[in-house]
PDB file of all heavy atoms in Angstrom:
ATOM      1  N   PHE A   1     -10.403  -0.934 -10.921  1.00  0.00           N
ATOM      2  CA  PHE A   1     -11.161  -0.193 -11.893  1.00  0.00           C
ATOM      3  C   PHE A   1     -12.174  -1.249 -12.574  1.00  0.00           C
ATOM      4  O   PHE A   1     -13.324  -1.088 -12.668  1.00  0.00           O
ATOM      5  CB  PHE A   1     -10.530   0.653 -12.873  1.00  0.00           C
ATOM      6  CG  PHE A   1     -11.314   1.135 -13.987  1.00  0.00           C
ATOM      7  CD1 PHE A   1     -12.226   2.195 -13.856  1.00  0.00           C
ATOM      8  CD2 PHE A   1     -11.398   0.559 -15.221  1.00  0.00           C
ATOM      9  CE1 PHE A   1     -13.021   2.695 -14.831  1.00  0.00           C
ATOM     10  CE2 PHE A   1     -12.261   0.882 -16.238  1.00  0.00           C
ATOM     11  CZ  PHE A   1     -13.046   2.069 -16.067  1.00  0.00           C
ATOM     12  N   ALA A   2     -11.490  -2.257 -13.059  1.00  0.00           N
ATOM     13  CA  ALA A   2     -12.166  -3.370 -13.840  1.00  0.00           C
ATOM     14  C   ALA A   2     -13.329  -3.973 -12.936  1.00  0.00           C
ATOM     15  O   ALA A   2     -14.377  -4.289 -13.533  1.00  0.00           O
ATOM     16  CB  ALA A   2     -11.221  -4.359 -14.353  1.00  0.00           C
ATOM     17  N   ILE A   3     -13.140  -4.170 -11.736  1.00  0.00           N
ATOM     18  CA  ILE A   3     -14.110  -4.719 -10.798  1.00  0.00           C
ATOM     19  C   ILE A   3     -15.334  -3.898 -10.848  1.00  0.00           C
ATOM     20  O   ILE A   3     -16.468  -4.402 -11.016  1.00  0.00           O
ATOM     21  CB  ILE A   3     -13.608  -4.991  -9.405  1.00  0.00           C
ATOM     22  CG1 ILE A   3     -12.470  -6.028  -9.333  1.00  0.00           C
ATOM     23  CG2 ILE A   3     -14.729  -5.326  -8.419  1.00  0.00           C
ATOM     24  CD1 ILE A   3     -11.725  -6.084  -8.016  1.00  0.00           C
ATOM     25  N   ARG A   4     -15.190  -2.631 -10.714  1.00  0.00           N
ATOM     26  CA  ARG A   4     -16.352  -1.816 -10.779  1.00  0.00           C
ATOM     27  C   ARG A   4     -16.895  -1.653 -12.105  1.00  0.00           C
ATOM     28  O   ARG A   4     -18.181  -1.711 -12.273  1.00  0.00           O
ATOM     29  CB  ARG A   4     -15.902  -0.344 -10.243  1.00  0.00           C
ATOM     30  CG  ARG A   4     -15.333  -0.348  -8.769  1.00  0.00           C
ATOM     31  CD  ARG A   4     -14.712   1.045  -8.380  1.00  0.00           C
ATOM     32  NE  ARG A   4     -15.837   2.082  -8.476  1.00  0.00           N
ATOM     33  CZ  ARG A   4     -16.746   2.273  -7.603  1.00  0.00           C
ATOM     34  NH1 ARG A   4     -16.726   1.466  -6.536  1.00  0.00           N
ATOM     35  NH2 ARG A   4     -17.560   3.290  -7.625  1.00  0.00           N
ATOM     36  N   HIS A   5     -16.063  -1.478 -13.134  1.00  0.00           N
ATOM     37  CA  HIS A   5     -16.586  -1.310 -14.504  1.00  0.00           C
ATOM     38  C   HIS A   5     -17.327  -2.540 -15.066  1.00  0.00           C
ATOM     39  O   HIS A   5     -18.274  -2.311 -15.771  1.00  0.00           O
ATOM     40  CB  HIS A   5     -15.293  -1.068 -15.351  1.00  0.00           C
ATOM     41  CG  HIS A   5     -15.530  -0.849 -16.781  1.00  0.00           C
ATOM     42  ND1 HIS A   5     -16.251   0.243 -17.193  1.00  0.00           N
ATOM     43  CD2 HIS A   5     -15.229  -1.599 -17.965  1.00  0.00           C
ATOM     44  CE1 HIS A   5     -16.355   0.205 -18.684  1.00  0.00           C
ATOM     45  NE2 HIS A   5     -15.813  -0.865 -19.025  1.00  0.00           N
ATOM     46  N   LEU A   6     -16.904  -3.693 -14.623  1.00  0.00           N
ATOM     47  CA  LEU A   6     -17.542  -4.874 -15.170  1.00  0.00           C
ATOM     48  C   LEU A   6     -18.584  -5.411 -14.181  1.00  0.00           C
ATOM     49  O   LEU A   6     -19.202  -6.471 -14.504  1.00  0.00           O
ATOM     50  CB  LEU A   6     -16.386  -5.990 -15.384  1.00  0.00           C
ATOM     51  CG  LEU A   6     -15.378  -5.622 -16.551  1.00  0.00           C
ATOM     52  CD1 LEU A   6     -14.308  -6.640 -16.491  1.00  0.00           C
ATOM     53  CD2 LEU A   6     -16.056  -5.614 -17.907  1.00  0.00           C
ATOM     54  N   GLY A   7     -18.825  -4.723 -13.118  1.00  0.00           N
ATOM     55  CA  GLY A   7     -19.836  -5.213 -12.176  1.00  0.00           C
ATOM     56  C   GLY A   7     -19.518  -6.396 -11.464  1.00  0.00           C
ATOM     57  O   GLY A   7     -20.380  -7.302 -11.196  1.00  0.00           O
ATOM     58  N   CYS A   8     -18.196  -6.689 -11.124  1.00  0.00           N
ATOM     59  CA  CYS A   8     -17.842  -7.927 -10.474  1.00  0.00           C
ATOM     60  C   CYS A   8     -18.098  -7.838  -8.936  1.00  0.00           C
ATOM     61  O   CYS A   8     -18.210  -6.814  -8.306  1.00  0.00           O
ATOM     62  CB  CYS A   8     -16.285  -8.140 -10.603  1.00  0.00           C
ATOM     63  SG  CYS A   8     -15.884  -8.429 -12.367  1.00  0.00           S
ATOM     64  N   GLN A   9     -18.200  -9.070  -8.418  1.00  0.00           N
ATOM     65  CA  GLN A   9     -18.328  -9.194  -6.955  1.00  0.00           C
ATOM     66  C   GLN A   9     -17.003  -9.181  -6.256  1.00  0.00           C
ATOM     67  O   GLN A   9     -16.860  -8.846  -4.938  1.00  0.00           O
ATOM     68  CB  GLN A   9     -19.081 -10.474  -6.527  1.00  0.00           C
ATOM     69  CG  GLN A   9     -20.626 -10.348  -6.782  1.00  0.00           C
ATOM     70  CD  GLN A   9     -21.041 -10.426  -8.180  1.00  0.00           C
ATOM     71  OE1 GLN A   9     -20.382 -11.022  -9.100  1.00  0.00           O
ATOM     72  NE2 GLN A   9     -21.943  -9.507  -8.555  1.00  0.00           N
ATOM     73  N   SER A  10     -15.944  -9.504  -6.973  1.00  0.00           N
ATOM     74  CA  SER A  10     -14.602  -9.691  -6.365  1.00  0.00           C
ATOM     75  C   SER A  10     -13.586  -9.610  -7.418  1.00  0.00           C
ATOM     76  O   SER A  10     -13.886  -9.417  -8.628  1.00  0.00           O
ATOM     77  CB  SER A  10     -14.556 -11.006  -5.516  1.00  0.00           C
ATOM     78  OG  SER A  10     -13.232 -11.172  -4.856  1.00  0.00           O
ATOM     79  N   GLY A  11     -12.307  -9.718  -6.922  1.00  0.00           N
ATOM     80  CA  GLY A  11     -11.158  -9.627  -7.954  1.00  0.00           C
ATOM     81  C   GLY A  11      -9.920  -9.983  -7.172  1.00  0.00           C
ATOM     82  O   GLY A  11      -9.786  -9.890  -5.982  1.00  0.00           O
ATOM     83  N   VAL A  12      -8.897 -10.272  -8.009  1.00  0.00           N
ATOM     84  CA  VAL A  12      -7.581 -10.718  -7.417  1.00  0.00           C
ATOM     85  C   VAL A  12      -6.604 -10.159  -8.301  1.00  0.00           C
ATOM     86  O   VAL A  12      -6.622 -10.182  -9.537  1.00  0.00           O
ATOM     87  CB  VAL A  12      -7.473 -12.309  -7.437  1.00  0.00           C
ATOM     88  CG1 VAL A  12      -6.029 -12.718  -7.145  1.00  0.00           C
ATOM     89  CG2 VAL A  12      -8.370 -12.874  -6.337  1.00  0.00           C
ATOM     90  N   VAL A  13      -5.489  -9.594  -7.718  1.00  0.00           N
ATOM     91  CA  VAL A  13      -4.289  -9.273  -8.423  1.00  0.00           C
ATOM     92  C   VAL A  13      -3.090 -10.022  -7.902  1.00  0.00           C
ATOM     93  O   VAL A  13      -2.986 -10.179  -6.675  1.00  0.00           O
ATOM     94  CB  VAL A  13      -3.963  -7.752  -8.558  1.00  0.00           C
ATOM     95  CG1 VAL A  13      -3.736  -7.197  -7.119  1.00  0.00           C
ATOM     96  CG2 VAL A  13      -2.887  -7.356  -9.431  1.00  0.00           C
ATOM     97  N   ILE A  14      -2.294 -10.681  -8.740  1.00  0.00           N
ATOM     98  CA  ILE A  14      -1.120 -11.326  -8.317  1.00  0.00           C
ATOM     99  C   ILE A  14      -0.009 -10.430  -8.467  1.00  0.00           C
ATOM    100  O   ILE A  14       0.498  -9.957  -9.318  1.00  0.00           O
ATOM    101  CB  ILE A  14      -0.861 -12.602  -9.246  1.00  0.00           C
ATOM    102  CG1 ILE A  14      -1.991 -13.500  -9.429  1.00  0.00           C
ATOM    103  CG2 ILE A  14       0.392 -13.292  -8.800  1.00  0.00           C
ATOM    104  CD1 ILE A  14      -2.399 -14.132  -8.135  1.00  0.00           C
ATOM    105  N   THR A  15       0.595 -10.128  -7.140  1.00  0.00           N
ATOM    106  CA  THR A  15       1.649  -8.963  -7.116  1.00  0.00           C
ATOM    107  C   THR A  15       2.076  -9.153  -5.672  1.00  0.00           C
ATOM    108  O   THR A  15       1.490  -9.548  -4.682  1.00  0.00           O
ATOM    109  CB  THR A  15       1.192  -7.620  -7.400  1.00  0.00           C
ATOM    110  OG1 THR A  15       2.326  -6.746  -7.225  1.00  0.00           O
ATOM    111  CG2 THR A  15       0.079  -7.205  -6.360  1.00  0.00           C
ATOM    112  N   ALA A  16       3.498  -8.793  -5.525  1.00  0.00           N
ATOM    113  CA  ALA A  16       4.079  -8.572  -4.133  1.00  0.00           C
ATOM    114  C   ALA A  16       4.570  -7.055  -4.174  1.00  0.00           C
ATOM    115  O   ALA A  16       5.594  -6.808  -3.448  1.00  0.00           O
ATOM    116  CB  ALA A  16       5.208  -9.557  -3.922  1.00  0.00           C
ATOM    117  N   SER A  17       3.866  -6.241  -4.889  1.00  0.00           N
ATOM    118  CA  SER A  17       4.214  -4.832  -4.866  1.00  0.00           C
ATOM    119  C   SER A  17       5.685  -4.602  -5.182  1.00  0.00           C
ATOM    120  O   SER A  17       6.219  -4.955  -6.239  1.00  0.00           O
ATOM    121  CB  SER A  17       3.801  -4.192  -3.661  1.00  0.00           C
ATOM    122  OG  SER A  17       3.790  -2.847  -3.712  1.00  0.00           O
ATOM    123  N   HIS A  18       6.447  -3.950  -4.203  1.00  0.00           N
ATOM    124  CA  HIS A  18       7.837  -3.654  -4.383  1.00  0.00           C
ATOM    125  C   HIS A  18       8.788  -4.540  -3.517  1.00  0.00           C
ATOM    126  O   HIS A  18       9.922  -4.185  -3.400  1.00  0.00           O
ATOM    127  CB  HIS A  18       7.994  -2.052  -3.933  1.00  0.00           C
ATOM    128  CG  HIS A  18       7.649  -1.974  -2.539  1.00  0.00           C
ATOM    129  ND1 HIS A  18       6.311  -1.745  -2.134  1.00  0.00           N
ATOM    130  CD2 HIS A  18       8.395  -1.819  -1.407  1.00  0.00           C
ATOM    131  CE1 HIS A  18       6.205  -1.636  -0.814  1.00  0.00           C
ATOM    132  NE2 HIS A  18       7.571  -1.644  -0.314  1.00  0.00           N
ATOM    133  N   ASN A  19       8.264  -5.722  -3.142  1.00  0.00           N
ATOM    134  CA  ASN A  19       9.141  -6.535  -2.474  1.00  0.00           C
ATOM    135  C   ASN A  19      10.262  -7.170  -3.320  1.00  0.00           C
ATOM    136  O   ASN A  19      10.238  -6.998  -4.507  1.00  0.00           O
ATOM    137  CB  ASN A  19       8.296  -7.727  -1.922  1.00  0.00           C
ATOM    138  CG  ASN A  19       7.644  -7.397  -0.600  1.00  0.00           C
ATOM    139  OD1 ASN A  19       6.487  -7.327  -0.525  1.00  0.00           O
ATOM    140  ND2 ASN A  19       8.304  -7.265   0.484  1.00  0.00           N
ATOM    141  N   PRO A  20      11.414  -7.667  -2.629  1.00  0.00           N
ATOM    142  CA  PRO A  20      12.419  -8.312  -3.459  1.00  0.00           C
ATOM    143  C   PRO A  20      11.800  -9.421  -4.393  1.00  0.00           C
ATOM    144  O   PRO A  20      10.806  -9.885  -4.214  1.00  0.00           O
ATOM    145  CB  PRO A  20      13.328  -8.889  -2.437  1.00  0.00           C
ATOM    146  CG  PRO A  20      12.977  -8.114  -1.164  1.00  0.00           C
ATOM    147  CD  PRO A  20      11.594  -7.768  -1.201  1.00  0.00           C
ATOM    148  N   LYS A  21      12.775  -9.808  -5.353  1.00  0.00           N
ATOM    149  CA  LYS A  21      12.254 -10.638  -6.495  1.00  0.00           C
ATOM    150  C   LYS A  21      11.859 -12.084  -5.986  1.00  0.00           C
ATOM    151  O   LYS A  21      11.034 -12.765  -6.728  1.00  0.00           O
ATOM    152  CB  LYS A  21      13.404 -10.799  -7.465  1.00  0.00           C
ATOM    153  CG  LYS A  21      14.608 -11.515  -6.981  1.00  0.00           C
ATOM    154  CD  LYS A  21      15.667 -11.606  -8.018  1.00  0.00           C
ATOM    155  CE  LYS A  21      16.977 -12.157  -7.499  1.00  0.00           C
ATOM    156  NZ  LYS A  21      18.122 -12.130  -8.414  1.00  0.00           N
ATOM    157  N   GLU A  22      12.261 -12.462  -4.763  1.00  0.00           N
ATOM    158  CA  GLU A  22      11.906 -13.783  -4.271  1.00  0.00           C
ATOM    159  C   GLU A  22      10.458 -13.894  -3.910  1.00  0.00           C
ATOM    160  O   GLU A  22       9.893 -15.037  -3.596  1.00  0.00           O
ATOM    161  CB  GLU A  22      12.715 -14.135  -3.054  1.00  0.00           C
ATOM    162  CG  GLU A  22      14.294 -14.264  -3.215  1.00  0.00           C
ATOM    163  CD  GLU A  22      14.994 -12.928  -3.346  1.00  0.00           C
ATOM    164  OE1 GLU A  22      14.401 -11.934  -2.936  1.00  0.00           O
ATOM    165  OE2 GLU A  22      16.101 -12.985  -3.742  1.00  0.00           O
ATOM    166  N   TYR A  23       9.782 -12.768  -3.700  1.00  0.00           N
ATOM    167  CA  TYR A  23       8.453 -12.772  -3.176  1.00  0.00           C
ATOM    168  C   TYR A  23       7.323 -12.646  -4.374  1.00  0.00           C
ATOM    169  O   TYR A  23       7.649 -12.223  -5.457  1.00  0.00           O
ATOM    170  CB  TYR A  23       8.184 -11.441  -2.379  1.00  0.00           C
ATOM    171  CG  TYR A  23       8.807 -11.465  -1.015  1.00  0.00           C
ATOM    172  CD1 TYR A  23      10.169 -11.323  -0.832  1.00  0.00           C
ATOM    173  CD2 TYR A  23       8.048 -11.705   0.049  1.00  0.00           C
ATOM    174  CE1 TYR A  23      10.765 -11.380   0.438  1.00  0.00           C
ATOM    175  CE2 TYR A  23       8.639 -11.783   1.416  1.00  0.00           C
ATOM    176  CZ  TYR A  23       9.944 -11.621   1.511  1.00  0.00           C
ATOM    177  OH  TYR A  23      10.479 -11.602   2.752  1.00  0.00           O
ATOM    178  N   ASN A  24       6.208 -13.214  -4.049  1.00  0.00           N
ATOM    179  CA  ASN A  24       5.039 -12.953  -4.822  1.00  0.00           C
ATOM    180  C   ASN A  24       3.859 -12.908  -3.897  1.00  0.00           C
ATOM    181  O   ASN A  24       3.966 -13.151  -2.671  1.00  0.00           O
ATOM    182  CB  ASN A  24       4.769 -13.925  -5.927  1.00  0.00           C
ATOM    183  CG  ASN A  24       4.128 -13.273  -7.114  1.00  0.00           C
ATOM    184  OD1 ASN A  24       3.315 -12.284  -7.097  1.00  0.00           O
ATOM    185  ND2 ASN A  24       4.638 -13.725  -8.339  1.00  0.00           N
ATOM    186  N   GLY A  25       2.734 -12.448  -4.374  1.00  0.00           N
ATOM    187  CA  GLY A  25       1.493 -12.360  -3.517  1.00  0.00           C
ATOM    188  C   GLY A  25       0.190 -12.341  -4.169  1.00  0.00           C
ATOM    189  O   GLY A  25       0.163 -12.514  -5.420  1.00  0.00           O
ATOM    190  N   TYR A  26      -0.781 -12.054  -3.498  1.00  0.00           N
ATOM    191  CA  TYR A  26      -2.248 -12.310  -3.875  1.00  0.00           C
ATOM    192  C   TYR A  26      -3.169 -11.235  -3.186  1.00  0.00           C
ATOM    193  O   TYR A  26      -3.186 -11.484  -1.984  1.00  0.00           O
ATOM    194  CB  TYR A  26      -2.576 -13.752  -3.646  1.00  0.00           C
ATOM    195  CG  TYR A  26      -3.988 -14.177  -3.947  1.00  0.00           C
ATOM    196  CD1 TYR A  26      -4.205 -15.155  -4.986  1.00  0.00           C
ATOM    197  CD2 TYR A  26      -5.008 -13.850  -3.054  1.00  0.00           C
ATOM    198  CE1 TYR A  26      -5.447 -15.621  -5.179  1.00  0.00           C
ATOM    199  CE2 TYR A  26      -6.283 -14.502  -3.282  1.00  0.00           C
ATOM    200  CZ  TYR A  26      -6.499 -15.308  -4.290  1.00  0.00           C
ATOM    201  OH  TYR A  26      -7.614 -15.921  -4.446  1.00  0.00           O
ATOM    202  N   LYS A  27      -3.578 -10.329  -3.846  1.00  0.00           N
ATOM    203  CA  LYS A  27      -4.411  -9.338  -3.164  1.00  0.00           C
ATOM    204  C   LYS A  27      -5.871  -9.512  -3.591  1.00  0.00           C
ATOM    205  O   LYS A  27      -6.105  -9.666  -4.836  1.00  0.00           O
ATOM    206  CB  LYS A  27      -4.039  -7.887  -3.493  1.00  0.00           C
ATOM    207  CG  LYS A  27      -2.695  -7.449  -2.957  1.00  0.00           C
ATOM    208  CD  LYS A  27      -2.559  -5.979  -2.719  1.00  0.00           C
ATOM    209  CE  LYS A  27      -2.357  -5.273  -4.106  1.00  0.00           C
ATOM    210  NZ  LYS A  27      -1.938  -3.740  -3.807  1.00  0.00           N
ATOM    211  N   ALA A  28      -6.804  -9.711  -2.581  1.00  0.00           N
ATOM    212  CA  ALA A  28      -8.156  -9.930  -2.860  1.00  0.00           C
ATOM    213  C   ALA A  28      -9.025  -8.537  -2.719  1.00  0.00           C
ATOM    214  O   ALA A  28      -8.730  -7.962  -1.805  1.00  0.00           O
ATOM    215  CB  ALA A  28      -8.647 -11.032  -2.051  1.00  0.00           C
ATOM    216  N   TYR A  29      -9.868  -8.479  -3.611  1.00  0.00           N
ATOM    217  CA  TYR A  29     -10.660  -7.317  -3.660  1.00  0.00           C
ATOM    218  C   TYR A  29     -12.210  -7.629  -3.519  1.00  0.00           C
ATOM    219  O   TYR A  29     -12.700  -8.708  -3.922  1.00  0.00           O
ATOM    220  CB  TYR A  29     -10.530  -6.547  -4.981  1.00  0.00           C
ATOM    221  CG  TYR A  29      -9.169  -5.886  -5.053  1.00  0.00           C
ATOM    222  CD1 TYR A  29      -8.004  -6.786  -5.308  1.00  0.00           C
ATOM    223  CD2 TYR A  29      -8.984  -4.513  -4.848  1.00  0.00           C
ATOM    224  CE1 TYR A  29      -6.818  -6.074  -5.426  1.00  0.00           C
ATOM    225  CE2 TYR A  29      -7.676  -3.978  -4.954  1.00  0.00           C
ATOM    226  CZ  TYR A  29      -6.627  -4.757  -5.206  1.00  0.00           C
ATOM    227  OH  TYR A  29      -5.392  -4.142  -5.275  1.00  0.00           O
TER     228      TYR A  29
END
């Protein structure tokens, strides 16, 4: 939502969704 609301060209969220605790991730928008 923030990408659209703020008129950004891109965005990133640091998450590994529901994976086990050893994991992390990076989703690009």
